């Protein structure tokens, strides 16, 4: 595990000490029994540490067999509306195919495992060179349409 927003160890130590001070001083104005103040301060301190941990954004890296990192799949709309010609006379699906084949796959393919998925009637793996705009778009989507199986 690593962090997407790492900070130096000394800055982390300062943050932990500051969180402890804030947690302890938060209950200084009330007359509480020492045990209750300790419990409340501890809970506040742990909450502040959790917030700091979330801000550091922990990430887990799991490379595949080839040592490449897996990324979020590329989703391509293959509904009939993608057959509409835009300005310049090119169909939307042709421009999407060209973008994926000529730019995305060459730049991301060597470092990442890129998965191209098409959606229209259903979500399915697709060969980027064979994308077409022939899918009927359902009127209403539900989870069963995109669930595997």
Foldseek 3Di string as FASTA:
>chain_A
DAFPQDDDPVVVVVQLVVLLVCLLVVCPVDDDDPVVSVVSSVVSSVVSVVVVVVVRHDDDFDADPVRATEDDEAEDEQALQQQDQDPVRDGNLVVVLCCCVVPVCVVCVVRYDYWYWYDAQAIDTDDSVPRHNHHHHDPDDDPVRHDDD
